[in-house]
Amino acid sequence: AFKALGVYLAMDDFGTGYSSLSYLH
């Protein structure tokens, strides 16, 4: 819904926690 609004989305703190590569896909 945010993408449909037109904003950009960023994954913050990548490399900490689980950092599952499936998120990126």
PDBML (XML) file of the C-alpha atoms, coordinates in Angstrom:
<?xml version="1.0" encoding="UTF-8" ?>
<PDBx:datablock datablockName="MODEL"
   xmlns:PDBx="http://pdbml.pdb.org/schema/pdbx-v50.xsd"
   xmlns:xsi="http://www.w3.org/2001/XMLSchema-instance"
   xsi:schemaLocation="http://pdbml.pdb.org/schema/pdbx-v50.xsd pdbx-v50.xsd">
   <PDBx:atom_siteCategory>
      <PDBx:atom_site id="1">
         <PDBx:B_iso_or_equiv>0.00</PDBx:B_iso_or_equiv>
         <PDBx:Cartn_x>0.000</PDBx:Cartn_x>
         <PDBx:Cartn_y>0.000</PDBx:Cartn_y>
         <PDBx:Cartn_z>0.000</PDBx:Cartn_z>
         <PDBx:auth_asym_id>A</PDBx:auth_asym_id>
         <PDBx:auth_atom_id>CA</PDBx:auth_atom_id>
         <PDBx:auth_comp_id>ALA</PDBx:auth_comp_id>
         <PDBx:auth_seq_id>1</PDBx:auth_seq_id>
         <PDBx:group_PDB>ATOM</PDBx:group_PDB>
         <PDBx:label_alt_id xsi:nil="true" />
         <PDBx:label_asym_id>A</PDBx:label_asym_id>
         <PDBx:label_atom_id>CA</PDBx:label_atom_id>
         <PDBx:label_comp_id>ALA</PDBx:label_comp_id>
         <PDBx:label_entity_id>1</PDBx:label_entity_id>
         <PDBx:label_seq_id>1</PDBx:label_seq_id>
         <PDBx:occupancy>1.00</PDBx:occupancy>
         <PDBx:pdbx_PDB_model_num>1</PDBx:pdbx_PDB_model_num>
         <PDBx:type_symbol>C</PDBx:type_symbol>
      </PDBx:atom_site>
      <PDBx:atom_site id="2">
         <PDBx:B_iso_or_equiv>0.00</PDBx:B_iso_or_equiv>
         <PDBx:Cartn_x>2.903</PDBx:Cartn_x>
         <PDBx:Cartn_y>2.363</PDBx:Cartn_y>
         <PDBx:Cartn_z>0.708</PDBx:Cartn_z>
         <PDBx:auth_asym_id>A</PDBx:auth_asym_id>
         <PDBx:auth_atom_id>CA</PDBx:auth_atom_id>
         <PDBx:auth_comp_id>PHE</PDBx:auth_comp_id>
         <PDBx:auth_seq_id>2</PDBx:auth_seq_id>
         <PDBx:group_PDB>ATOM</PDBx:group_PDB>
         <PDBx:label_alt_id xsi:nil="true" />
         <PDBx:label_asym_id>A</PDBx:label_asym_id>
         <PDBx:label_atom_id>CA</PDBx:label_atom_id>
         <PDBx:label_comp_id>PHE</PDBx:label_comp_id>
         <PDBx:label_entity_id>1</PDBx:label_entity_id>
         <PDBx:label_seq_id>2</PDBx:label_seq_id>
         <PDBx:occupancy>1.00</PDBx:occupancy>
         <PDBx:pdbx_PDB_model_num>1</PDBx:pdbx_PDB_model_num>
         <PDBx:type_symbol>C</PDBx:type_symbol>
      </PDBx:atom_site>
      <PDBx:atom_site id="3">
         <PDBx:B_iso_or_equiv>0.00</PDBx:B_iso_or_equiv>
         <PDBx:Cartn_x>4.385</PDBx:Cartn_x>
         <PDBx:Cartn_y>1.524</PDBx:Cartn_y>
         <PDBx:Cartn_z>-2.695</PDBx:Cartn_z>
         <PDBx:auth_asym_id>A</PDBx:auth_asym_id>
         <PDBx:auth_atom_id>CA</PDBx:auth_atom_id>
         <PDBx:auth_comp_id>LYS</PDBx:auth_comp_id>
         <PDBx:auth_seq_id>3</PDBx:auth_seq_id>
         <PDBx:group_PDB>ATOM</PDBx:group_PDB>
         <PDBx:label_alt_id xsi:nil="true" />
         <PDBx:label_asym_id>A</PDBx:label_asym_id>
         <PDBx:label_atom_id>CA</PDBx:label_atom_id>
         <PDBx:label_comp_id>LYS</PDBx:label_comp_id>
         <PDBx:label_entity_id>1</PDBx:label_entity_id>
         <PDBx:label_seq_id>3</PDBx:label_seq_id>
         <PDBx:occupancy>1.00</PDBx:occupancy>
         <PDBx:pdbx_PDB_model_num>1</PDBx:pdbx_PDB_model_num>
         <PDBx:type_symbol>C</PDBx:type_symbol>
      </PDBx:atom_site>
      <PDBx:atom_site id="4">
         <PDBx:B_iso_or_equiv>0.00</PDBx:B_iso_or_equiv>
         <PDBx:Cartn_x>1.059</PDBx:Cartn_x>
         <PDBx:Cartn_y>2.286</PDBx:Cartn_y>
         <PDBx:Cartn_z>-4.302</PDBx:Cartn_z>
         <PDBx:auth_asym_id>A</PDBx:auth_asym_id>
         <PDBx:auth_atom_id>CA</PDBx:auth_atom_id>
         <PDBx:auth_comp_id>ALA</PDBx:auth_comp_id>
         <PDBx:auth_seq_id>4</PDBx:auth_seq_id>
         <PDBx:group_PDB>ATOM</PDBx:group_PDB>
         <PDBx:label_alt_id xsi:nil="true" />
         <PDBx:label_asym_id>A</PDBx:label_asym_id>
         <PDBx:label_atom_id>CA</PDBx:label_atom_id>
         <PDBx:label_comp_id>ALA</PDBx:label_comp_id>
         <PDBx:label_entity_id>1</PDBx:label_entity_id>
         <PDBx:label_seq_id>4</PDBx:label_seq_id>
         <PDBx:occupancy>1.00</PDBx:occupancy>
         <PDBx:pdbx_PDB_model_num>1</PDBx:pdbx_PDB_model_num>
         <PDBx:type_symbol>C</PDBx:type_symbol>
      </PDBx:atom_site>
      <PDBx:atom_site id="5">
         <PDBx:B_iso_or_equiv>0.00</PDBx:B_iso_or_equiv>
         <PDBx:Cartn_x>1.138</PDBx:Cartn_x>
         <PDBx:Cartn_y>5.644</PDBx:Cartn_y>
         <PDBx:Cartn_z>-2.495</PDBx:Cartn_z>
         <PDBx:auth_asym_id>A</PDBx:auth_asym_id>
         <PDBx:auth_atom_id>CA</PDBx:auth_atom_id>
         <PDBx:auth_comp_id>LEU</PDBx:auth_comp_id>
         <PDBx:auth_seq_id>5</PDBx:auth_seq_id>
         <PDBx:group_PDB>ATOM</PDBx:group_PDB>
         <PDBx:label_alt_id xsi:nil="true" />
         <PDBx:label_asym_id>A</PDBx:label_asym_id>
         <PDBx:label_atom_id>CA</PDBx:label_atom_id>
         <PDBx:label_comp_id>LEU</PDBx:label_comp_id>
         <PDBx:label_entity_id>1</PDBx:label_entity_id>
         <PDBx:label_seq_id>5</PDBx:label_seq_id>
         <PDBx:occupancy>1.00</PDBx:occupancy>
         <PDBx:pdbx_PDB_model_num>1</PDBx:pdbx_PDB_model_num>
         <PDBx:type_symbol>C</PDBx:type_symbol>
      </PDBx:atom_site>
      <PDBx:atom_site id="6">
         <PDBx:B_iso_or_equiv>0.00</PDBx:B_iso_or_equiv>
         <PDBx:Cartn_x>4.448</PDBx:Cartn_x>
         <PDBx:Cartn_y>6.387</PDBx:Cartn_y>
         <PDBx:Cartn_z>-4.261</PDBx:Cartn_z>
         <PDBx:auth_asym_id>A</PDBx:auth_asym_id>
         <PDBx:auth_atom_id>CA</PDBx:auth_atom_id>
         <PDBx:auth_comp_id>GLY</PDBx:auth_comp_id>
         <PDBx:auth_seq_id>6</PDBx:auth_seq_id>
         <PDBx:group_PDB>ATOM</PDBx:group_PDB>
         <PDBx:label_alt_id xsi:nil="true" />
         <PDBx:label_asym_id>A</PDBx:label_asym_id>
         <PDBx:label_atom_id>CA</PDBx:label_atom_id>
         <PDBx:label_comp_id>GLY</PDBx:label_comp_id>
         <PDBx:label_entity_id>1</PDBx:label_entity_id>
         <PDBx:label_seq_id>6</PDBx:label_seq_id>
         <PDBx:occupancy>1.00</PDBx:occupancy>
         <PDBx:pdbx_PDB_model_num>1</PDBx:pdbx_PDB_model_num>
         <PDBx:type_symbol>C</PDBx:type_symbol>
      </PDBx:atom_site>
      <PDBx:atom_site id="7">
         <PDBx:B_iso_or_equiv>0.00</PDBx:B_iso_or_equiv>
         <PDBx:Cartn_x>7.002</PDBx:Cartn_x>
         <PDBx:Cartn_y>6.445</PDBx:Cartn_y>
         <PDBx:Cartn_z>-1.439</PDBx:Cartn_z>
         <PDBx:auth_asym_id>A</PDBx:auth_asym_id>
         <PDBx:auth_atom_id>CA</PDBx:auth_atom_id>
         <PDBx:auth_comp_id>VAL</PDBx:auth_comp_id>
         <PDBx:auth_seq_id>7</PDBx:auth_seq_id>
         <PDBx:group_PDB>ATOM</PDBx:group_PDB>
         <PDBx:label_alt_id xsi:nil="true" />
         <PDBx:label_asym_id>A</PDBx:label_asym_id>
         <PDBx:label_atom_id>CA</PDBx:label_atom_id>
         <PDBx:label_comp_id>VAL</PDBx:label_comp_id>
         <PDBx:label_entity_id>1</PDBx:label_entity_id>
         <PDBx:label_seq_id>7</PDBx:label_seq_id>
         <PDBx:occupancy>1.00</PDBx:occupancy>
         <PDBx:pdbx_PDB_model_num>1</PDBx:pdbx_PDB_model_num>
         <PDBx:type_symbol>C</PDBx:type_symbol>
      </PDBx:atom_site>
      <PDBx:atom_site id="8">
         <PDBx:B_iso_or_equiv>0.00</PDBx:B_iso_or_equiv>
         <PDBx:Cartn_x>10.323</PDBx:Cartn_x>
         <PDBx:Cartn_y>4.598</PDBx:Cartn_y>
         <PDBx:Cartn_z>-1.404</PDBx:Cartn_z>
         <PDBx:auth_asym_id>A</PDBx:auth_asym_id>
         <PDBx:auth_atom_id>CA</PDBx:auth_atom_id>
         <PDBx:auth_comp_id>TYR</PDBx:auth_comp_id>
         <PDBx:auth_seq_id>8</PDBx:auth_seq_id>
         <PDBx:group_PDB>ATOM</PDBx:group_PDB>
         <PDBx:label_alt_id xsi:nil="true" />
         <PDBx:label_asym_id>A</PDBx:label_asym_id>
         <PDBx:label_atom_id>CA</PDBx:label_atom_id>
         <PDBx:label_comp_id>TYR</PDBx:label_comp_id>
         <PDBx:label_entity_id>1</PDBx:label_entity_id>
         <PDBx:label_seq_id>8</PDBx:label_seq_id>
         <PDBx:occupancy>1.00</PDBx:occupancy>
         <PDBx:pdbx_PDB_model_num>1</PDBx:pdbx_PDB_model_num>
         <PDBx:type_symbol>C</PDBx:type_symbol>
      </PDBx:atom_site>
      <PDBx:atom_site id="9">
         <PDBx:B_iso_or_equiv>0.00</PDBx:B_iso_or_equiv>
         <PDBx:Cartn_x>10.940</PDBx:Cartn_x>
         <PDBx:Cartn_y>1.750</PDBx:Cartn_y>
         <PDBx:Cartn_z>1.055</PDBx:Cartn_z>
         <PDBx:auth_asym_id>A</PDBx:auth_asym_id>
         <PDBx:auth_atom_id>CA</PDBx:auth_atom_id>
         <PDBx:auth_comp_id>LEU</PDBx:auth_comp_id>
         <PDBx:auth_seq_id>9</PDBx:auth_seq_id>
         <PDBx:group_PDB>ATOM</PDBx:group_PDB>
         <PDBx:label_alt_id xsi:nil="true" />
         <PDBx:label_asym_id>A</PDBx:label_asym_id>
         <PDBx:label_atom_id>CA</PDBx:label_atom_id>
         <PDBx:label_comp_id>LEU</PDBx:label_comp_id>
         <PDBx:label_entity_id>1</PDBx:label_entity_id>
         <PDBx:label_seq_id>9</PDBx:label_seq_id>
         <PDBx:occupancy>1.00</PDBx:occupancy>
         <PDBx:pdbx_PDB_model_num>1</PDBx:pdbx_PDB_model_num>
         <PDBx:type_symbol>C</PDBx:type_symbol>
      </PDBx:atom_site>
      <PDBx:atom_site id="10">
         <PDBx:B_iso_or_equiv>0.00</PDBx:B_iso_or_equiv>
         <PDBx:Cartn_x>14.293</PDBx:Cartn_x>
         <PDBx:Cartn_y>1.058</PDBx:Cartn_y>
         <PDBx:Cartn_z>2.726</PDBx:Cartn_z>
         <PDBx:auth_asym_id>A</PDBx:auth_asym_id>
         <PDBx:auth_atom_id>CA</PDBx:auth_atom_id>
         <PDBx:auth_comp_id>ALA</PDBx:auth_comp_id>
         <PDBx:auth_seq_id>10</PDBx:auth_seq_id>
         <PDBx:group_PDB>ATOM</PDBx:group_PDB>
         <PDBx:label_alt_id xsi:nil="true" />
         <PDBx:label_asym_id>A</PDBx:label_asym_id>
         <PDBx:label_atom_id>CA</PDBx:label_atom_id>
         <PDBx:label_comp_id>ALA</PDBx:label_comp_id>
         <PDBx:label_entity_id>1</PDBx:label_entity_id>
         <PDBx:label_seq_id>10</PDBx:label_seq_id>
         <PDBx:occupancy>1.00</PDBx:occupancy>
         <PDBx:pdbx_PDB_model_num>1</PDBx:pdbx_PDB_model_num>
         <PDBx:type_symbol>C</PDBx:type_symbol>
      </PDBx:atom_site>
      <PDBx:atom_site id="11">
         <PDBx:B_iso_or_equiv>0.00</PDBx:B_iso_or_equiv>
         <PDBx:Cartn_x>15.478</PDBx:Cartn_x>
         <PDBx:Cartn_y>-1.890</PDBx:Cartn_y>
         <PDBx:Cartn_z>4.833</PDBx:Cartn_z>
         <PDBx:auth_asym_id>A</PDBx:auth_asym_id>
         <PDBx:auth_atom_id>CA</PDBx:auth_atom_id>
         <PDBx:auth_comp_id>MET</PDBx:auth_comp_id>
         <PDBx:auth_seq_id>11</PDBx:auth_seq_id>
         <PDBx:group_PDB>ATOM</PDBx:group_PDB>
         <PDBx:label_alt_id xsi:nil="true" />
         <PDBx:label_asym_id>A</PDBx:label_asym_id>
         <PDBx:label_atom_id>CA</PDBx:label_atom_id>
         <PDBx:label_comp_id>MET</PDBx:label_comp_id>
         <PDBx:label_entity_id>1</PDBx:label_entity_id>
         <PDBx:label_seq_id>11</PDBx:label_seq_id>
         <PDBx:occupancy>1.00</PDBx:occupancy>
         <PDBx:pdbx_PDB_model_num>1</PDBx:pdbx_PDB_model_num>
         <PDBx:type_symbol>C</PDBx:type_symbol>
      </PDBx:atom_site>
      <PDBx:atom_site id="12">
         <PDBx:B_iso_or_equiv>0.00</PDBx:B_iso_or_equiv>
         <PDBx:Cartn_x>17.336</PDBx:Cartn_x>
         <PDBx:Cartn_y>-0.298</PDBx:Cartn_y>
         <PDBx:Cartn_z>7.761</PDBx:Cartn_z>
         <PDBx:auth_asym_id>A</PDBx:auth_asym_id>
         <PDBx:auth_atom_id>CA</PDBx:auth_atom_id>
         <PDBx:auth_comp_id>ASP</PDBx:auth_comp_id>
         <PDBx:auth_seq_id>12</PDBx:auth_seq_id>
         <PDBx:group_PDB>ATOM</PDBx:group_PDB>
         <PDBx:label_alt_id xsi:nil="true" />
         <PDBx:label_asym_id>A</PDBx:label_asym_id>
         <PDBx:label_atom_id>CA</PDBx:label_atom_id>
         <PDBx:label_comp_id>ASP</PDBx:label_comp_id>
         <PDBx:label_entity_id>1</PDBx:label_entity_id>
         <PDBx:label_seq_id>12</PDBx:label_seq_id>
         <PDBx:occupancy>1.00</PDBx:occupancy>
         <PDBx:pdbx_PDB_model_num>1</PDBx:pdbx_PDB_model_num>
         <PDBx:type_symbol>C</PDBx:type_symbol>
      </PDBx:atom_site>
      <PDBx:atom_site id="13">
         <PDBx:B_iso_or_equiv>0.00</PDBx:B_iso_or_equiv>
         <PDBx:Cartn_x>20.087</PDBx:Cartn_x>
         <PDBx:Cartn_y>-1.988</PDBx:Cartn_y>
         <PDBx:Cartn_z>9.834</PDBx:Cartn_z>
         <PDBx:auth_asym_id>A</PDBx:auth_asym_id>
         <PDBx:auth_atom_id>CA</PDBx:auth_atom_id>
         <PDBx:auth_comp_id>ASP</PDBx:auth_comp_id>
         <PDBx:auth_seq_id>13</PDBx:auth_seq_id>
         <PDBx:group_PDB>ATOM</PDBx:group_PDB>
         <PDBx:label_alt_id xsi:nil="true" />
         <PDBx:label_asym_id>A</PDBx:label_asym_id>
         <PDBx:label_atom_id>CA</PDBx:label_atom_id>
         <PDBx:label_comp_id>ASP</PDBx:label_comp_id>
         <PDBx:label_entity_id>1</PDBx:label_entity_id>
         <PDBx:label_seq_id>13</PDBx:label_seq_id>
         <PDBx:occupancy>1.00</PDBx:occupancy>
         <PDBx:pdbx_PDB_model_num>1</PDBx:pdbx_PDB_model_num>
         <PDBx:type_symbol>C</PDBx:type_symbol>
      </PDBx:atom_site>
      <PDBx:atom_site id="14">
         <PDBx:B_iso_or_equiv>0.00</PDBx:B_iso_or_equiv>
         <PDBx:Cartn_x>20.637</PDBx:Cartn_x>
         <PDBx:Cartn_y>-4.718</PDBx:Cartn_y>
         <PDBx:Cartn_z>7.216</PDBx:Cartn_z>
         <PDBx:auth_asym_id>A</PDBx:auth_asym_id>
         <PDBx:auth_atom_id>CA</PDBx:auth_atom_id>
         <PDBx:auth_comp_id>PHE</PDBx:auth_comp_id>
         <PDBx:auth_seq_id>14</PDBx:auth_seq_id>
         <PDBx:group_PDB>ATOM</PDBx:group_PDB>
         <PDBx:label_alt_id xsi:nil="true" />
         <PDBx:label_asym_id>A</PDBx:label_asym_id>
         <PDBx:label_atom_id>CA</PDBx:label_atom_id>
         <PDBx:label_comp_id>PHE</PDBx:label_comp_id>
         <PDBx:label_entity_id>1</PDBx:label_entity_id>
         <PDBx:label_seq_id>14</PDBx:label_seq_id>
         <PDBx:occupancy>1.00</PDBx:occupancy>
         <PDBx:pdbx_PDB_model_num>1</PDBx:pdbx_PDB_model_num>
         <PDBx:type_symbol>C</PDBx:type_symbol>
      </PDBx:atom_site>
      <PDBx:atom_site id="15">
         <PDBx:B_iso_or_equiv>0.00</PDBx:B_iso_or_equiv>
         <PDBx:Cartn_x>23.183</PDBx:Cartn_x>
         <PDBx:Cartn_y>-7.238</PDBx:Cartn_y>
         <PDBx:Cartn_z>8.441</PDBx:Cartn_z>
         <PDBx:auth_asym_id>A</PDBx:auth_asym_id>
         <PDBx:auth_atom_id>CA</PDBx:auth_atom_id>
         <PDBx:auth_comp_id>GLY</PDBx:auth_comp_id>
         <PDBx:auth_seq_id>15</PDBx:auth_seq_id>
         <PDBx:group_PDB>ATOM</PDBx:group_PDB>
         <PDBx:label_alt_id xsi:nil="true" />
         <PDBx:label_asym_id>A</PDBx:label_asym_id>
         <PDBx:label_atom_id>CA</PDBx:label_atom_id>
         <PDBx:label_comp_id>GLY</PDBx:label_comp_id>
         <PDBx:label_entity_id>1</PDBx:label_entity_id>
         <PDBx:label_seq_id>15</PDBx:label_seq_id>
         <PDBx:occupancy>1.00</PDBx:occupancy>
         <PDBx:pdbx_PDB_model_num>1</PDBx:pdbx_PDB_model_num>
         <PDBx:type_symbol>C</PDBx:type_symbol>
      </PDBx:atom_site>
      <PDBx:atom_site id="16">
         <PDBx:B_iso_or_equiv>0.00</PDBx:B_iso_or_equiv>
         <PDBx:Cartn_x>21.912</PDBx:Cartn_x>
         <PDBx:Cartn_y>-7.420</PDBx:Cartn_y>
         <PDBx:Cartn_z>12.026</PDBx:Cartn_z>
         <PDBx:auth_asym_id>A</PDBx:auth_asym_id>
         <PDBx:auth_atom_id>CA</PDBx:auth_atom_id>
         <PDBx:auth_comp_id>THR</PDBx:auth_comp_id>
         <PDBx:auth_seq_id>16</PDBx:auth_seq_id>
         <PDBx:group_PDB>ATOM</PDBx:group_PDB>
         <PDBx:label_alt_id xsi:nil="true" />
         <PDBx:label_asym_id>A</PDBx:label_asym_id>
         <PDBx:label_atom_id>CA</PDBx:label_atom_id>
         <PDBx:label_comp_id>THR</PDBx:label_comp_id>
         <PDBx:label_entity_id>1</PDBx:label_entity_id>
         <PDBx:label_seq_id>16</PDBx:label_seq_id>
         <PDBx:occupancy>1.00</PDBx:occupancy>
         <PDBx:pdbx_PDB_model_num>1</PDBx:pdbx_PDB_model_num>
         <PDBx:type_symbol>C</PDBx:type_symbol>
      </PDBx:atom_site>
      <PDBx:atom_site id="17">
         <PDBx:B_iso_or_equiv>0.00</PDBx:B_iso_or_equiv>
         <PDBx:Cartn_x>19.338</PDBx:Cartn_x>
         <PDBx:Cartn_y>-9.768</PDBx:Cartn_y>
         <PDBx:Cartn_z>13.497</PDBx:Cartn_z>
         <PDBx:auth_asym_id>A</PDBx:auth_asym_id>
         <PDBx:auth_atom_id>CA</PDBx:auth_atom_id>
         <PDBx:auth_comp_id>GLY</PDBx:auth_comp_id>
         <PDBx:auth_seq_id>17</PDBx:auth_seq_id>
         <PDBx:group_PDB>ATOM</PDBx:group_PDB>
         <PDBx:label_alt_id xsi:nil="true" />
         <PDBx:label_asym_id>A</PDBx:label_asym_id>
         <PDBx:label_atom_id>CA</PDBx:label_atom_id>
         <PDBx:label_comp_id>GLY</PDBx:label_comp_id>
         <PDBx:label_entity_id>1</PDBx:label_entity_id>
         <PDBx:label_seq_id>17</PDBx:label_seq_id>
         <PDBx:occupancy>1.00</PDBx:occupancy>
         <PDBx:pdbx_PDB_model_num>1</PDBx:pdbx_PDB_model_num>
         <PDBx:type_symbol>C</PDBx:type_symbol>
      </PDBx:atom_site>
      <PDBx:atom_site id="18">
         <PDBx:B_iso_or_equiv>0.00</PDBx:B_iso_or_equiv>
         <PDBx:Cartn_x>18.092</PDBx:Cartn_x>
         <PDBx:Cartn_y>-12.433</PDBx:Cartn_y>
         <PDBx:Cartn_z>11.131</PDBx:Cartn_z>
         <PDBx:auth_asym_id>A</PDBx:auth_asym_id>
         <PDBx:auth_atom_id>CA</PDBx:auth_atom_id>
         <PDBx:auth_comp_id>TYR</PDBx:auth_comp_id>
         <PDBx:auth_seq_id>18</PDBx:auth_seq_id>
         <PDBx:group_PDB>ATOM</PDBx:group_PDB>
         <PDBx:label_alt_id xsi:nil="true" />
         <PDBx:label_asym_id>A</PDBx:label_asym_id>
         <PDBx:label_atom_id>CA</PDBx:label_atom_id>
         <PDBx:label_comp_id>TYR</PDBx:label_comp_id>
         <PDBx:label_entity_id>1</PDBx:label_entity_id>
         <PDBx:label_seq_id>18</PDBx:label_seq_id>
         <PDBx:occupancy>1.00</PDBx:occupancy>
         <PDBx:pdbx_PDB_model_num>1</PDBx:pdbx_PDB_model_num>
         <PDBx:type_symbol>C</PDBx:type_symbol>
      </PDBx:atom_site>
      <PDBx:atom_site id="19">
         <PDBx:B_iso_or_equiv>0.00</PDBx:B_iso_or_equiv>
         <PDBx:Cartn_x>18.667</PDBx:Cartn_x>
         <PDBx:Cartn_y>-10.479</PDBx:Cartn_y>
         <PDBx:Cartn_z>7.899</PDBx:Cartn_z>
         <PDBx:auth_asym_id>A</PDBx:auth_asym_id>
         <PDBx:auth_atom_id>CA</PDBx:auth_atom_id>
         <PDBx:auth_comp_id>SER</PDBx:auth_comp_id>
         <PDBx:auth_seq_id>19</PDBx:auth_seq_id>
         <PDBx:group_PDB>ATOM</PDBx:group_PDB>
         <PDBx:label_alt_id xsi:nil="true" />
         <PDBx:label_asym_id>A</PDBx:label_asym_id>
         <PDBx:label_atom_id>CA</PDBx:label_atom_id>
         <PDBx:label_comp_id>SER</PDBx:label_comp_id>
         <PDBx:label_entity_id>1</PDBx:label_entity_id>
         <PDBx:label_seq_id>19</PDBx:label_seq_id>
         <PDBx:occupancy>1.00</PDBx:occupancy>
         <PDBx:pdbx_PDB_model_num>1</PDBx:pdbx_PDB_model_num>
         <PDBx:type_symbol>C</PDBx:type_symbol>
      </PDBx:atom_site>
      <PDBx:atom_site id="20">
         <PDBx:B_iso_or_equiv>0.00</PDBx:B_iso_or_equiv>
         <PDBx:Cartn_x>16.849</PDBx:Cartn_x>
         <PDBx:Cartn_y>-13.119</PDBx:Cartn_y>
         <PDBx:Cartn_z>5.897</PDBx:Cartn_z>
         <PDBx:auth_asym_id>A</PDBx:auth_asym_id>
         <PDBx:auth_atom_id>CA</PDBx:auth_atom_id>
         <PDBx:auth_comp_id>SER</PDBx:auth_comp_id>
         <PDBx:auth_seq_id>20</PDBx:auth_seq_id>
         <PDBx:group_PDB>ATOM</PDBx:group_PDB>
         <PDBx:label_alt_id xsi:nil="true" />
         <PDBx:label_asym_id>A</PDBx:label_asym_id>
         <PDBx:label_atom_id>CA</PDBx:label_atom_id>
         <PDBx:label_comp_id>SER</PDBx:label_comp_id>
         <PDBx:label_entity_id>1</PDBx:label_entity_id>
         <PDBx:label_seq_id>20</PDBx:label_seq_id>
         <PDBx:occupancy>1.00</PDBx:occupancy>
         <PDBx:pdbx_PDB_model_num>1</PDBx:pdbx_PDB_model_num>
         <PDBx:type_symbol>C</PDBx:type_symbol>
      </PDBx:atom_site>
      <PDBx:atom_site id="21">
         <PDBx:B_iso_or_equiv>0.00</PDBx:B_iso_or_equiv>
         <PDBx:Cartn_x>17.616</PDBx:Cartn_x>
         <PDBx:Cartn_y>-12.882</PDBx:Cartn_y>
         <PDBx:Cartn_z>2.200</PDBx:Cartn_z>
         <PDBx:auth_asym_id>A</PDBx:auth_asym_id>
         <PDBx:auth_atom_id>CA</PDBx:auth_atom_id>
         <PDBx:auth_comp_id>LEU</PDBx:auth_comp_id>
         <PDBx:auth_seq_id>21</PDBx:auth_seq_id>
         <PDBx:group_PDB>ATOM</PDBx:group_PDB>
         <PDBx:label_alt_id xsi:nil="true" />
         <PDBx:label_asym_id>A</PDBx:label_asym_id>
         <PDBx:label_atom_id>CA</PDBx:label_atom_id>
         <PDBx:label_comp_id>LEU</PDBx:label_comp_id>
         <PDBx:label_entity_id>1</PDBx:label_entity_id>
         <PDBx:label_seq_id>21</PDBx:label_seq_id>
         <PDBx:occupancy>1.00</PDBx:occupancy>
         <PDBx:pdbx_PDB_model_num>1</PDBx:pdbx_PDB_model_num>
         <PDBx:type_symbol>C</PDBx:type_symbol>
      </PDBx:atom_site>
      <PDBx:atom_site id="22">
         <PDBx:B_iso_or_equiv>0.00</PDBx:B_iso_or_equiv>
         <PDBx:Cartn_x>14.013</PDBx:Cartn_x>
         <PDBx:Cartn_y>-13.883</PDBx:Cartn_y>
         <PDBx:Cartn_z>1.532</PDBx:Cartn_z>
         <PDBx:auth_asym_id>A</PDBx:auth_asym_id>
         <PDBx:auth_atom_id>CA</PDBx:auth_atom_id>
         <PDBx:auth_comp_id>SER</PDBx:auth_comp_id>
         <PDBx:auth_seq_id>22</PDBx:auth_seq_id>
         <PDBx:group_PDB>ATOM</PDBx:group_PDB>
         <PDBx:label_alt_id xsi:nil="true" />
         <PDBx:label_asym_id>A</PDBx:label_asym_id>
         <PDBx:label_atom_id>CA</PDBx:label_atom_id>
         <PDBx:label_comp_id>SER</PDBx:label_comp_id>
         <PDBx:label_entity_id>1</PDBx:label_entity_id>
         <PDBx:label_seq_id>22</PDBx:label_seq_id>
         <PDBx:occupancy>1.00</PDBx:occupancy>
         <PDBx:pdbx_PDB_model_num>1</PDBx:pdbx_PDB_model_num>
         <PDBx:type_symbol>C</PDBx:type_symbol>
      </PDBx:atom_site>
      <PDBx:atom_site id="23">
         <PDBx:B_iso_or_equiv>0.00</PDBx:B_iso_or_equiv>
         <PDBx:Cartn_x>13.006</PDBx:Cartn_x>
         <PDBx:Cartn_y>-10.386</PDBx:Cartn_y>
         <PDBx:Cartn_z>2.677</PDBx:Cartn_z>
         <PDBx:auth_asym_id>A</PDBx:auth_asym_id>
         <PDBx:auth_atom_id>CA</PDBx:auth_atom_id>
         <PDBx:auth_comp_id>TYR</PDBx:auth_comp_id>
         <PDBx:auth_seq_id>23</PDBx:auth_seq_id>
         <PDBx:group_PDB>ATOM</PDBx:group_PDB>
         <PDBx:label_alt_id xsi:nil="true" />
         <PDBx:label_asym_id>A</PDBx:label_asym_id>
         <PDBx:label_atom_id>CA</PDBx:label_atom_id>
         <PDBx:label_comp_id>TYR</PDBx:label_comp_id>
         <PDBx:label_entity_id>1</PDBx:label_entity_id>
         <PDBx:label_seq_id>23</PDBx:label_seq_id>
         <PDBx:occupancy>1.00</PDBx:occupancy>
         <PDBx:pdbx_PDB_model_num>1</PDBx:pdbx_PDB_model_num>
         <PDBx:type_symbol>C</PDBx:type_symbol>
      </PDBx:atom_site>
      <PDBx:atom_site id="24">
         <PDBx:B_iso_or_equiv>0.00</PDBx:B_iso_or_equiv>
         <PDBx:Cartn_x>14.802</PDBx:Cartn_x>
         <PDBx:Cartn_y>-8.870</PDBx:Cartn_y>
         <PDBx:Cartn_z>-0.288</PDBx:Cartn_z>
         <PDBx:auth_asym_id>A</PDBx:auth_asym_id>
         <PDBx:auth_atom_id>CA</PDBx:auth_atom_id>
         <PDBx:auth_comp_id>LEU</PDBx:auth_comp_id>
         <PDBx:auth_seq_id>24</PDBx:auth_seq_id>
         <PDBx:group_PDB>ATOM</PDBx:group_PDB>
         <PDBx:label_alt_id xsi:nil="true" />
         <PDBx:label_asym_id>A</PDBx:label_asym_id>
         <PDBx:label_atom_id>CA</PDBx:label_atom_id>
         <PDBx:label_comp_id>LEU</PDBx:label_comp_id>
         <PDBx:label_entity_id>1</PDBx:label_entity_id>
         <PDBx:label_seq_id>24</PDBx:label_seq_id>
         <PDBx:occupancy>1.00</PDBx:occupancy>
         <PDBx:pdbx_PDB_model_num>1</PDBx:pdbx_PDB_model_num>
         <PDBx:type_symbol>C</PDBx:type_symbol>
      </PDBx:atom_site>
      <PDBx:atom_site id="25">
         <PDBx:B_iso_or_equiv>0.00</PDBx:B_iso_or_equiv>
         <PDBx:Cartn_x>12.895</PDBx:Cartn_x>
         <PDBx:Cartn_y>-11.095</PDBx:Cartn_y>
         <PDBx:Cartn_z>-2.690</PDBx:Cartn_z>
         <PDBx:auth_asym_id>A</PDBx:auth_asym_id>
         <PDBx:auth_atom_id>CA</PDBx:auth_atom_id>
         <PDBx:auth_comp_id>HIS</PDBx:auth_comp_id>
         <PDBx:auth_seq_id>25</PDBx:auth_seq_id>
         <PDBx:group_PDB>ATOM</PDBx:group_PDB>
         <PDBx:label_alt_id xsi:nil="true" />
         <PDBx:label_asym_id>A</PDBx:label_asym_id>
         <PDBx:label_atom_id>CA</PDBx:label_atom_id>
         <PDBx:label_comp_id>HIS</PDBx:label_comp_id>
         <PDBx:label_entity_id>1</PDBx:label_entity_id>
         <PDBx:label_seq_id>25</PDBx:label_seq_id>
         <PDBx:occupancy>1.00</PDBx:occupancy>
         <PDBx:pdbx_PDB_model_num>1</PDBx:pdbx_PDB_model_num>
         <PDBx:type_symbol>C</PDBx:type_symbol>
      </PDBx:atom_site>
   </PDBx:atom_siteCategory>
</PDBx:datablock>
